[in-house]
PDB file of N, CA and C in Angstrom:
ATOM      1  N   UNK A   1      67.471  50.069 -79.439  1.00  0.00           N
ATOM      2  CA  UNK A   1      66.136  50.606 -79.305  1.00  0.00           C
ATOM      3  C   UNK A   1      65.534  50.087 -78.005  1.00  0.00           C
ATOM      4  N   UNK A   2      64.846  50.959 -77.274  1.00  0.00           N
ATOM      5  CA  UNK A   2      64.207  50.627 -76.013  1.00  0.00           C
ATOM      6  C   UNK A   2      62.700  50.581 -76.210  1.00  0.00           C
ATOM      7  N   UNK A   3      62.034  49.634 -75.530  1.00  0.00           N
ATOM      8  CA  UNK A   3      60.588  49.484 -75.630  1.00  0.00           C
ATOM      9  C   UNK A   3      59.931  50.018 -74.375  1.00  0.00           C
ATOM     10  N   UNK A   4      58.867  50.773 -74.546  1.00  0.00           N
ATOM     11  CA  UNK A   4      58.120  51.346 -73.433  1.00  0.00           C
ATOM     12  C   UNK A   4      56.672  50.886 -73.509  1.00  0.00           C
ATOM     13  N   UNK A   5      56.077  50.567 -72.355  1.00  0.00           N
ATOM     14  CA  UNK A   5      54.677  50.142 -72.297  1.00  0.00           C
ATOM     15  C   UNK A   5      53.798  51.388 -72.299  1.00  0.00           C
ATOM     16  N   UNK A   6      52.795  51.419 -73.195  1.00  0.00           N
ATOM     17  CA  UNK A   6      51.898  52.565 -73.327  1.00  0.00           C
ATOM     18  C   UNK A   6      50.467  52.153 -73.015  1.00  0.00           C
ATOM     19  N   UNK A   7      49.720  53.056 -72.391  1.00  0.00           N
ATOM     20  CA  UNK A   7      48.325  52.763 -72.087  1.00  0.00           C
ATOM     21  C   UNK A   7      47.483  52.851 -73.358  1.00  0.00           C
ATOM     22  N   UNK A   8      46.352  52.115 -73.394  1.00  0.00           N
ATOM     23  CA  UNK A   8      45.458  52.202 -74.554  1.00  0.00           C
ATOM     24  C   UNK A   8      44.936  53.626 -74.748  1.00  0.00           C
ATOM     25  N   UNK A   9      44.589  53.943 -75.974  1.00  0.00           N
ATOM     26  CA  UNK A   9      44.081  55.265 -76.342  1.00  0.00           C
ATOM     27  C   UNK A   9      42.694  55.120 -76.939  1.00  0.00           C
ATOM     28  N   UNK A  10      41.759  55.947 -76.463  1.00  0.00           N
ATOM     29  CA  UNK A  10      40.422  56.008 -77.066  1.00  0.00           C
ATOM     30  C   UNK A  10      40.558  56.732 -78.407  1.00  0.00           C
ATOM     31  N   UNK A  11      39.912  56.213 -79.433  1.00  0.00           N
ATOM     32  CA  UNK A  11      40.101  56.735 -80.792  1.00  0.00           C
ATOM     33  C   UNK A  11      39.804  58.226 -80.921  1.00  0.00           C
ATOM     34  N   UNK A  12      38.896  58.763 -80.118  1.00  0.00           N
ATOM     35  CA  UNK A  12      38.512  60.171 -80.236  1.00  0.00           C
ATOM     36  C   UNK A  12      39.331  61.107 -79.346  1.00  0.00           C
ATOM     37  N   UNK A  13      40.212  60.562 -78.509  1.00  0.00           N
ATOM     38  CA  UNK A  13      40.979  61.383 -77.566  1.00  0.00           C
ATOM     39  C   UNK A  13      42.335  61.791 -78.126  1.00  0.00           C
ATOM     40  N   UNK A  14      42.848  62.907 -77.604  1.00  0.00           N
ATOM     41  CA  UNK A  14      44.238  63.305 -77.805  1.00  0.00           C
ATOM     42  C   UNK A  14      44.987  62.868 -76.558  1.00  0.00           C
ATOM     43  N   UNK A  15      46.085  62.146 -76.726  1.00  0.00           N
ATOM     44  CA  UNK A  15      46.830  61.607 -75.584  1.00  0.00           C
ATOM     45  C   UNK A  15      48.290  62.017 -75.693  1.00  0.00           C
ATOM     46  N   UNK A  16      48.859  62.404 -74.550  1.00  0.00           N
ATOM     47  CA  UNK A  16      50.274  62.734 -74.471  1.00  0.00           C
ATOM     48  C   UNK A  16      51.016  61.534 -73.901  1.00  0.00           C
ATOM     49  N   UNK A  17      51.951  60.988 -74.672  1.00  0.00           N
ATOM     50  CA  UNK A  17      52.802  59.895 -74.212  1.00  0.00           C
ATOM     51  C   UNK A  17      54.195  60.452 -73.982  1.00  0.00           C
ATOM     52  N   UNK A  18      54.773  60.111 -72.839  1.00  0.00           N
ATOM     53  CA  UNK A  18      56.126  60.569 -72.485  1.00  0.00           C
ATOM     54  C   UNK A  18      57.113  59.420 -72.665  1.00  0.00           C
ATOM     55  N   UNK A  19      58.084  59.605 -73.542  1.00  0.00           N
ATOM     56  CA  UNK A  19      59.127  58.622 -73.796  1.00  0.00           C
ATOM     57  C   UNK A  19      60.385  59.064 -73.040  1.00  0.00           C
ATOM     58  N   UNK A  20      60.737  58.305 -72.005  1.00  0.00           N
ATOM     59  CA  UNK A  20      61.841  58.663 -71.115  1.00  0.00           C
ATOM     60  C   UNK A  20      63.148  58.059 -71.634  1.00  0.00           C
ATOM     61  N   UNK A  21      64.104  58.906 -71.940  1.00  0.00           N
ATOM     62  CA  UNK A  21      65.404  58.491 -72.465  1.00  0.00           C
ATOM     63  C   UNK A  21      66.478  58.459 -71.380  1.00  0.00           C
ATOM     64  N   UNK A  22      66.142  58.786 -70.135  1.00  0.00           N
ATOM     65  CA  UNK A  22      67.160  58.967 -69.094  1.00  0.00           C
ATOM     66  C   UNK A  22      68.023  57.735 -68.872  1.00  0.00           C
ATOM     67  N   UNK A  23      67.462  56.536 -69.012  1.00  0.00           N
ATOM     68  CA  UNK A  23      68.262  55.325 -68.787  1.00  0.00           C
ATOM     69  C   UNK A  23      69.287  55.084 -69.898  1.00  0.00           C
ATOM     70  N   UNK A  24      69.135  55.761 -71.029  1.00  0.00           N
ATOM     71  CA  UNK A  24      70.058  55.600 -72.154  1.00  0.00           C
ATOM     72  C   UNK A  24      71.199  56.615 -72.135  1.00  0.00           C
ATOM     73  N   UNK A  25      71.007  57.701 -71.377  1.00  0.00           N
ATOM     74  CA  UNK A  25      71.939  58.822 -71.419  1.00  0.00           C
ATOM     75  C   UNK A  25      73.090  58.644 -70.436  1.00  0.00           C
ATOM     76  N   UNK A  26      74.264  59.167 -70.817  1.00  0.00           N
ATOM     77  CA  UNK A  26      75.424  59.201 -69.931  1.00  0.00           C
ATOM     78  C   UNK A  26      75.264  60.377 -68.958  1.00  0.00           C
ATOM     79  N   UNK A  27      75.961  60.353 -67.817  1.00  0.00           N
ATOM     80  CA  UNK A  27      75.881  61.479 -66.878  1.00  0.00           C
ATOM     81  C   UNK A  27      76.177  62.800 -67.579  1.00  0.00           C
ATOM     82  N   UNK A  28      75.299  63.773 -67.383  1.00  0.00           N
ATOM     83  CA  UNK A  28      75.456  65.094 -67.983  1.00  0.00           C
ATOM     84  C   UNK A  28      74.930  65.215 -69.402  1.00  0.00           C
ATOM     85  N   UNK A  29      74.578  64.110 -70.030  1.00  0.00           N
ATOM     86  CA  UNK A  29      74.060  64.124 -71.400  1.00  0.00           C
ATOM     87  C   UNK A  29      72.562  64.440 -71.369  1.00  0.00           C
ATOM     88  N   UNK A  30      72.071  65.175 -72.356  1.00  0.00           N
ATOM     89  CA  UNK A  30      70.654  65.517 -72.435  1.00  0.00           C
ATOM     90  C   UNK A  30      70.233  65.599 -73.899  1.00  0.00           C
ATOM     91  N   UNK A  31      68.930  65.626 -74.099  1.00  0.00           N
ATOM     92  CA  UNK A  31      68.375  65.652 -75.456  1.00  0.00           C
ATOM     93  C   UNK A  31      68.398  67.071 -76.009  1.00  0.00           C
ATOM     94  N   UNK A  32      68.749  67.192 -77.284  1.00  0.00           N
ATOM     95  CA  UNK A  32      68.773  68.516 -77.910  1.00  0.00           C
ATOM     96  C   UNK A  32      67.854  68.616 -79.124  1.00  0.00           C
ATOM     97  N   UNK A  33      67.413  67.482 -79.654  1.00  0.00           N
ATOM     98  CA  UNK A  33      66.488  67.499 -80.796  1.00  0.00           C
ATOM     99  C   UNK A  33      65.689  66.215 -80.791  1.00  0.00           C
ATOM    100  N   UNK A  34      64.513  66.272 -81.382  1.00  0.00           N
ATOM    101  CA  UNK A  34      63.666  65.088 -81.410  1.00  0.00           C
ATOM    102  C   UNK A  34      62.828  65.048 -82.665  1.00  0.00           C
ATOM    103  N   UNK A  35      62.309  63.860 -82.924  1.00  0.00           N
ATOM    104  CA  UNK A  35      61.379  63.669 -84.028  1.00  0.00           C
ATOM    105  C   UNK A  35      60.602  62.397 -83.773  1.00  0.00           C
ATOM    106  N   UNK A  36      59.396  62.364 -84.293  1.00  0.00           N
ATOM    107  CA  UNK A  36      58.664  61.110 -84.337  1.00  0.00           C
ATOM    108  C   UNK A  36      59.313  60.296 -85.444  1.00  0.00           C
ATOM    109  N   UNK A  37      59.331  59.000 -85.289  1.00  0.00           N
ATOM    110  CA  UNK A  37      60.044  58.157 -86.240  1.00  0.00           C
ATOM    111  C   UNK A  37      59.175  56.951 -86.582  1.00  0.00           C
ATOM    112  N   UNK A  38      58.959  56.525 -87.815  1.00  0.00           N
ATOM    113  CA  UNK A  38      59.369  57.203 -89.038  1.00  0.00           C
ATOM    114  C   UNK A  38      58.703  58.578 -89.143  1.00  0.00           C
ATOM    115  N   UNK A  39      58.815  59.220 -90.266  1.00  0.00           N
ATOM    116  CA  UNK A  39      58.367  60.611 -90.402  1.00  0.00           C
ATOM    117  C   UNK A  39      56.965  60.860 -89.871  1.00  0.00           C
ATOM    118  N   UNK A  40      56.038  59.935 -90.115  1.00  0.00           N
ATOM    119  CA  UNK A  40      54.670  60.145 -89.642  1.00  0.00           C
ATOM    120  C   UNK A  40      54.502  59.751 -88.180  1.00  0.00           C
ATOM    121  N   UNK A  41      55.516  59.125 -87.570  1.00  0.00           N
ATOM    122  CA  UNK A  41      55.495  58.850 -86.140  1.00  0.00           C
ATOM    123  C   UNK A  41      54.984  57.487 -85.724  1.00  0.00           C
ATOM    124  N   UNK A  42      54.490  56.697 -86.684  1.00  0.00           N
ATOM    125  CA  UNK A  42      53.929  55.402 -86.314  1.00  0.00           C
ATOM    126  C   UNK A  42      53.904  54.470 -87.512  1.00  0.00           C
ATOM    127  N   UNK A  43      53.715  53.199 -87.225  1.00  0.00           N
ATOM    128  CA  UNK A  43      53.357  52.215 -88.235  1.00  0.00           C
ATOM    129  C   UNK A  43      52.218  51.390 -87.654  1.00  0.00           C
ATOM    130  N   UNK A  44      51.369  50.869 -88.500  1.00  0.00           N
ATOM    131  CA  UNK A  44      50.291  49.993 -88.028  1.00  0.00           C
ATOM    132  C   UNK A  44      50.913  48.636 -87.759  1.00  0.00           C
ATOM    133  N   UNK A  45      50.909  48.223 -86.510  1.00  0.00           N
ATOM    134  CA  UNK A  45      51.490  46.947 -86.133  1.00  0.00           C
ATOM    135  C   UNK A  45      50.475  45.827 -86.316  1.00  0.00           C
ATOM    136  N   UNK A  46      49.197  46.133 -86.018  1.00  0.00           N
ATOM    137  CA  UNK A  46      48.136  45.144 -86.161  1.00  0.00           C
ATOM    138  C   UNK A  46      46.840  45.870 -86.487  1.00  0.00           C
ATOM    139  N   UNK A  47      46.119  45.388 -87.488  1.00  0.00           N
ATOM    140  CA  UNK A  47      44.834  45.989 -87.826  1.00  0.00           C
ATOM    141  C   UNK A  47      44.795  46.495 -89.248  1.00  0.00           C
ATOM    142  N   UNK A  48      43.752  47.279 -89.517  1.00  0.00           N
ATOM    143  CA  UNK A  48      43.483  47.767 -90.871  1.00  0.00           C
ATOM    144  C   UNK A  48      44.081  49.144 -91.097  1.00  0.00           C
ATOM    145  N   UNK A  49      44.372  49.442 -92.337  1.00  0.00           N
ATOM    146  CA  UNK A  49      44.829  50.767 -92.730  1.00  0.00           C
ATOM    147  C   UNK A  49      43.608  51.525 -93.225  1.00  0.00           C
ATOM    148  N   UNK A  50      43.102  52.435 -92.382  1.00  0.00           N
ATOM    149  CA  UNK A  50      41.883  53.165 -92.718  1.00  0.00           C
ATOM    150  C   UNK A  50      42.182  54.659 -92.728  1.00  0.00           C
ATOM    151  N   UNK A  51      42.273  55.231 -93.902  1.00  0.00           N
ATOM    152  CA  UNK A  51      42.607  56.650 -94.013  1.00  0.00           C
ATOM    153  C   UNK A  51      41.496  57.569 -93.510  1.00  0.00           C
ATOM    154  N   UNK A  52      40.303  57.033 -93.234  1.00  0.00           N
ATOM    155  CA  UNK A  52      39.224  57.875 -92.700  1.00  0.00           C
ATOM    156  C   UNK A  52      39.420  58.163 -91.208  1.00  0.00           C
ATOM    157  N   UNK A  53      40.293  57.406 -90.531  1.00  0.00           N
ATOM    158  CA  UNK A  53      40.588  57.616 -89.110  1.00  0.00           C
ATOM    159  C   UNK A  53      42.100  57.633 -88.903  1.00  0.00           C
ATOM    160  N   UNK A  54      42.795  58.590 -89.515  1.00  0.00           N
ATOM    161  CA  UNK A  54      44.248  58.553 -89.438  1.00  0.00           C
ATOM    162  C   UNK A  54      44.761  58.855 -88.031  1.00  0.00           C
ATOM    163  N   UNK A  55      45.874  58.238 -87.680  1.00  0.00           N
ATOM    164  CA  UNK A  55      46.573  58.555 -86.441  1.00  0.00           C
ATOM    165  C   UNK A  55      47.502  59.715 -86.740  1.00  0.00           C
ATOM    166  N   UNK A  56      47.506  60.736 -85.884  1.00  0.00           N
ATOM    167  CA  UNK A  56      48.359  61.901 -86.065  1.00  0.00           C
ATOM    168  C   UNK A  56      49.282  61.993 -84.857  1.00  0.00           C
ATOM    169  N   UNK A  57      50.584  62.121 -85.113  1.00  0.00           N
ATOM    170  CA  UNK A  57      51.584  62.156 -84.049  1.00  0.00           C
ATOM    171  C   UNK A  57      52.446  63.402 -84.212  1.00  0.00           C
ATOM    172  N   UNK A  58      52.630  64.160 -83.111  1.00  0.00           N
ATOM    173  CA  UNK A  58      53.573  65.278 -83.104  1.00  0.00           C
ATOM    174  C   UNK A  58      54.548  65.061 -81.951  1.00  0.00           C
ATOM    175  N   UNK A  59      55.791  65.482 -82.140  1.00  0.00           N
ATOM    176  CA  UNK A  59      56.834  65.259 -81.143  1.00  0.00           C
ATOM    177  C   UNK A  59      57.396  66.581 -80.641  1.00  0.00           C
ATOM    178  N   UNK A  60      57.790  66.595 -79.349  1.00  0.00           N
ATOM    179  CA  UNK A  60      58.431  67.765 -78.757  1.00  0.00           C
ATOM    180  C   UNK A  60      59.281  67.308 -77.577  1.00  0.00           C
ATOM    181  N   UNK A  61      60.330  68.074 -77.284  1.00  0.00           N
ATOM    182  CA  UNK A  61      61.108  67.813 -76.081  1.00  0.00           C
ATOM    183  C   UNK A  61      60.327  68.328 -74.881  1.00  0.00           C
ATOM    184  N   UNK A  62      60.415  67.621 -73.753  1.00  0.00           N
ATOM    185  CA  UNK A  62      59.795  68.100 -72.525  1.00  0.00           C
ATOM    186  C   UNK A  62      60.496  69.391 -72.104  1.00  0.00           C
ATOM    187  N   UNK A  63      59.753  70.271 -71.447  1.00  0.00           N
ATOM    188  CA  UNK A  63      60.308  71.547 -71.012  1.00  0.00           C
ATOM    189  C   UNK A  63      61.368  71.326 -69.937  1.00  0.00           C
ATOM    190  N   UNK A  64      62.319  72.226 -69.875  1.00  0.00           N
ATOM    191  CA  UNK A  64      63.357  72.163 -68.856  1.00  0.00           C
ATOM    192  C   UNK A  64      64.715  72.451 -69.444  1.00  0.00           C
ATOM    193  N   UNK A  65      65.699  72.719 -68.583  1.00  0.00           N
ATOM    194  CA  UNK A  65      67.026  73.104 -69.076  1.00  0.00           C
ATOM    195  C   UNK A  65      67.804  71.964 -69.721  1.00  0.00           C
ATOM    196  N   UNK A  66      67.675  70.736 -69.241  1.00  0.00           N
ATOM    197  CA  UNK A  66      68.388  69.589 -69.797  1.00  0.00           C
ATOM    198  C   UNK A  66      67.420  68.430 -69.965  1.00  0.00           C
ATOM    199  N   UNK A  67      66.582  68.469 -70.995  1.00  0.00           N
ATOM    200  CA  UNK A  67      65.509  67.481 -71.124  1.00  0.00           C
ATOM    201  C   UNK A  67      66.017  66.059 -71.365  1.00  0.00           C
ATOM    202  N   UNK A  68      65.277  65.100 -70.796  1.00  0.00           N
ATOM    203  CA  UNK A  68      65.559  63.672 -70.987  1.00  0.00           C
ATOM    204  C   UNK A  68      64.320  62.928 -71.470  1.00  0.00           C
ATOM    205  N   UNK A  69      63.251  63.683 -71.752  1.00  0.00           N
ATOM    206  CA  UNK A  69      61.972  63.091 -72.135  1.00  0.00           C
ATOM    207  C   UNK A  69      61.489  63.697 -73.447  1.00  0.00           C
ATOM    208  N   UNK A  70      60.978  62.828 -74.331  1.00  0.00           N
ATOM    209  CA  UNK A  70      60.308  63.269 -75.554  1.00  0.00           C
ATOM    210  C   UNK A  70      58.818  63.044 -75.360  1.00  0.00           C
ATOM    211  N   UNK A  71      58.028  64.034 -75.702  1.00  0.00           N
ATOM    212  CA  UNK A  71      56.575  63.933 -75.590  1.00  0.00           C
ATOM    213  C   UNK A  71      55.968  63.786 -76.975  1.00  0.00           C
ATOM    214  N   UNK A  72      55.191  62.712 -77.157  1.00  0.00           N
ATOM    215  CA  UNK A  72      54.454  62.507 -78.399  1.00  0.00           C
ATOM    216  C   UNK A  72      52.982  62.739 -78.122  1.00  0.00           C
ATOM    217  N   UNK A  73      52.376  63.673 -78.829  1.00  0.00           N
ATOM    218  CA  UNK A  73      50.943  63.892 -78.740  1.00  0.00           C
ATOM    219  C   UNK A  73      50.290  63.111 -79.873  1.00  0.00           C
ATOM    220  N   UNK A  74      49.338  62.251 -79.500  1.00  0.00           N
ATOM    221  CA  UNK A  74      48.728  61.329 -80.458  1.00  0.00           C
ATOM    222  C   UNK A  74      47.227  61.572 -80.501  1.00  0.00           C
ATOM    223  N   UNK A  75      46.690  61.711 -81.699  1.00  0.00           N
ATOM    224  CA  UNK A  75      45.244  61.869 -81.870  1.00  0.00           C
ATOM    225  C   UNK A  75      44.780  60.944 -82.995  1.00  0.00           C
ATOM    226  N   UNK A  76      43.482  60.652 -82.970  1.00  0.00           N
ATOM    227  CA  UNK A  76      42.900  59.817 -84.016  1.00  0.00           C
ATOM    228  C   UNK A  76      43.244  58.356 -83.855  1.00  0.00           C
ATOM    229  N   UNK A  77      43.178  57.655 -84.956  1.00  0.00           N
ATOM    230  CA  UNK A  77      43.456  56.223 -84.973  1.00  0.00           C
ATOM    231  C   UNK A  77      42.183  55.410 -85.087  1.00  0.00           C
ATOM    232  N   UNK A  78      42.303  54.239 -85.619  1.00  0.00           N
ATOM    233  CA  UNK A  78      41.170  53.351 -85.841  1.00  0.00           C
ATOM    234  C   UNK A  78      41.052  52.373 -84.680  1.00  0.00           C
ATOM    235  N   UNK A  79      39.893  52.342 -84.035  1.00  0.00           N
ATOM    236  CA  UNK A  79      39.657  51.408 -82.930  1.00  0.00           C
ATOM    237  C   UNK A  79      39.895  49.988 -83.408  1.00  0.00           C
ATOM    238  N   UNK A  80      40.599  49.214 -82.607  1.00  0.00           N
ATOM    239  CA  UNK A  80      40.941  47.843 -82.950  1.00  0.00           C
ATOM    240  C   UNK A  80      42.357  47.700 -83.483  1.00  0.00           C
ATOM    241  N   UNK A  81      42.958  48.795 -83.915  1.00  0.00           N
ATOM    242  CA  UNK A  81      44.343  48.760 -84.391  1.00  0.00           C
ATOM    243  C   UNK A  81      45.312  48.879 -83.234  1.00  0.00           C
ATOM    244  N   UNK A  82      46.496  48.334 -83.423  1.00  0.00           N
ATOM    245  CA  UNK A  82      47.621  48.559 -82.528  1.00  0.00           C
ATOM    246  C   UNK A  82      48.691  49.255 -83.353  1.00  0.00           C
ATOM    247  N   UNK A  83      49.139  50.406 -82.864  1.00  0.00           N
ATOM    248  CA  UNK A  83      50.129  51.211 -83.574  1.00  0.00           C
ATOM    249  C   UNK A  83      51.471  51.138 -82.860  1.00  0.00           C
ATOM    250  N   UNK A  84      52.533  51.031 -83.622  1.00  0.00           N
ATOM    251  CA  UNK A  84      53.888  51.096 -83.085  1.00  0.00           C
ATOM    252  C   UNK A  84      54.347  52.542 -83.201  1.00  0.00           C
ATOM    253  N   UNK A  85      54.579  53.188 -82.065  1.00  0.00           N
ATOM    254  CA  UNK A  85      55.064  54.564 -82.031  1.00  0.00           C
ATOM    255  C   UNK A  85      56.559  54.541 -81.748  1.00  0.00           C
ATOM    256  N   UNK A  86      57.279  55.492 -82.286  1.00  0.00           N
ATOM    257  CA  UNK A  86      58.702  55.600 -81.996  1.00  0.00           C
ATOM    258  C   UNK A  86      59.099  57.062 -81.916  1.00  0.00           C
ATOM    259  N   UNK A  87      59.913  57.371 -80.904  1.00  0.00           N
ATOM    260  CA  UNK A  87      60.485  58.703 -80.768  1.00  0.00           C
ATOM    261  C   UNK A  87      61.992  58.551 -80.893  1.00  0.00           C
ATOM    262  N   UNK A  88      62.599  59.395 -81.687  1.00  0.00           N
ATOM    263  CA  UNK A  88      64.056  59.387 -81.779  1.00  0.00           C
ATOM    264  C   UNK A  88      64.553  60.742 -81.304  1.00  0.00           C
ATOM    265  N   UNK A  89      65.776  60.754 -80.776  1.00  0.00           N
ATOM    266  CA  UNK A  89      66.310  62.004 -80.243  1.00  0.00           C
ATOM    267  C   UNK A  89      67.816  62.047 -80.398  1.00  0.00           C
ATOM    268  N   UNK A  90      68.315  63.242 -80.677  1.00  0.00           N
ATOM    269  CA  UNK A  90      69.748  63.496 -80.695  1.00  0.00           C
ATOM    270  C   UNK A  90      70.145  64.096 -79.360  1.00  0.00           C
ATOM    271  N   UNK A  91      71.398  63.857 -78.964  1.00  0.00           N
ATOM    272  CA  UNK A  91      71.827  64.286 -77.635  1.00  0.00           C
ATOM    273  C   UNK A  91      72.961  65.310 -77.696  1.00  0.00           C
ATOM    274  N   UNK A  92      73.245  65.876 -76.533  1.00  0.00           N
ATOM    275  CA  UNK A  92      74.333  66.843 -76.388  1.00  0.00           C
ATOM    276  C   UNK A  92      75.692  66.202 -76.652  1.00  0.00           C
ATOM    277  N   UNK A  93      75.776  64.875 -76.601  1.00  0.00           N
ATOM    278  CA  UNK A  93      77.020  64.151 -76.876  1.00  0.00           C
ATOM    279  C   UNK A  93      77.057  63.628 -78.319  1.00  0.00           C
ATOM    280  N   UNK A  94      76.181  64.161 -79.160  1.00  0.00           N
ATOM    281  CA  UNK A  94      76.119  63.812 -80.579  1.00  0.00           C
ATOM    282  C   UNK A  94      75.789  62.337 -80.819  1.00  0.00           C
ATOM    283  N   UNK A  95      74.910  61.784 -79.963  1.00  0.00           N
ATOM    284  CA  UNK A  95      74.413  60.421 -80.143  1.00  0.00           C
ATOM    285  C   UNK A  95      72.948  60.509 -80.550  1.00  0.00           C
ATOM    286  N   UNK A  96      72.428  59.416 -81.081  1.00  0.00           N
ATOM    287  CA  UNK A  96      71.009  59.342 -81.432  1.00  0.00           C
ATOM    288  C   UNK A  96      70.445  58.069 -80.829  1.00  0.00           C
ATOM    289  N   UNK A  97      69.299  58.229 -80.146  1.00  0.00           N
ATOM    290  CA  UNK A  97      68.618  57.107 -79.510  1.00  0.00           C
ATOM    291  C   UNK A  97      67.178  57.046 -79.993  1.00  0.00           C
ATOM    292  N   UNK A  98      66.566  55.867 -79.823  1.00  0.00           N
ATOM    293  CA  UNK A  98      65.167  55.680 -80.187  1.00  0.00           C
ATOM    294  C   UNK A  98      64.470  54.876 -79.100  1.00  0.00           C
ATOM    295  N   UNK A  99      63.245  55.285 -78.777  1.00  0.00           N
ATOM    296  CA  UNK A  99      62.394  54.560 -77.833  1.00  0.00           C
ATOM    297  C   UNK A  99      61.092  54.250 -78.551  1.00  0.00           C
ATOM    298  N   UNK A 100      60.606  53.013 -78.418  1.00  0.00           N
ATOM    299  CA  UNK A 100      59.425  52.533 -79.125  1.00  0.00           C
ATOM    300  C   UNK A 100      58.367  52.095 -78.129  1.00  0.00           C
ATOM    301  N   UNK A 101      57.111  52.247 -78.518  1.00  0.00           N
ATOM    302  CA  UNK A 101      56.000  51.739 -77.717  1.00  0.00           C
ATOM    303  C   UNK A 101      54.850  51.325 -78.616  1.00  0.00           C
ATOM    304  N   UNK A 102      54.038  50.415 -78.114  1.00  0.00           N
ATOM    305  CA  UNK A 102      52.866  49.945 -78.854  1.00  0.00           C
ATOM    306  C   UNK A 102      51.628  50.463 -78.154  1.00  0.00           C
ATOM    307  N   UNK A 103      50.727  51.102 -78.894  1.00  0.00           N
ATOM    308  CA  UNK A 103      49.509  51.639 -78.307  1.00  0.00           C
ATOM    309  C   UNK A 103      48.283  51.062 -79.016  1.00  0.00           C
ATOM    310  N   UNK A 104      47.424  50.357 -78.248  1.00  0.00           N
ATOM    311  CA  UNK A 104      46.160  49.888 -78.826  1.00  0.00           C
ATOM    312  C   UNK A 104      45.145  51.037 -78.816  1.00  0.00           C
ATOM    313  N   UNK A 105      44.363  51.135 -79.869  1.00  0.00           N
ATOM    314  CA  UNK A 105      43.302  52.132 -79.947  1.00  0.00           C
ATOM    315  C   UNK A 105      41.965  51.423 -79.710  1.00  0.00           C
ATOM    316  N   UNK A 106      41.172  51.987 -78.800  1.00  0.00           N
ATOM    317  CA  UNK A 106      39.909  51.374 -78.400  1.00  0.00           C
ATOM    318  C   UNK A 106      38.750  52.343 -78.647  1.00  0.00           C
ATOM    319  N   UNK A 107      37.507  51.823 -78.570  1.00  0.00           N
ATOM    320  CA  UNK A 107      36.317  52.649 -78.785  1.00  0.00           C
ATOM    321  C   UNK A 107      35.959  53.527 -77.600  1.00  0.00           C
ATOM    322  N   UNK A 108      36.194  53.033 -76.386  1.00  0.00           N
ATOM    323  CA  UNK A 108      35.814  53.783 -75.192  1.00  0.00           C
ATOM    324  C   UNK A 108      36.806  53.510 -74.085  1.00  0.00           C
ATOM    325  N   UNK A 109      36.756  54.342 -73.046  1.00  0.00           N
ATOM    326  CA  UNK A 109      37.698  54.218 -71.929  1.00  0.00           C
ATOM    327  C   UNK A 109      37.603  52.844 -71.288  1.00  0.00           C
ATOM    328  N   UNK A 110      38.758  52.330 -70.924  1.00  0.00           N
ATOM    329  CA  UNK A 110      38.818  51.022 -70.283  1.00  0.00           C
ATOM    330  C   UNK A 110      38.772  51.199 -68.780  1.00  0.00           C
TER     331      UNK A 110
END
């Protein structure tokens, strides 16, 4: 598993995070499927579990003929929490990789 540094997210914003898998891939290998991991796309790493401000994560492959990037769109979240996000992807060589990042949620832009 690879760790990626993510910028903080304002609780009311929708943010696109790009998880780059290129350093994990062999020459000519590319991503063919993706998912947020675990199923909901995140776990609360630090903070409270507040269902009134849920974090919502959707995953997609970046556009292009041989993608190497997974895009996670993240909305919501409780200010003060730090969420562990993970993107997993299957490749043209029948391998599966995962990239993880931690995103703090804040009240306003830093």
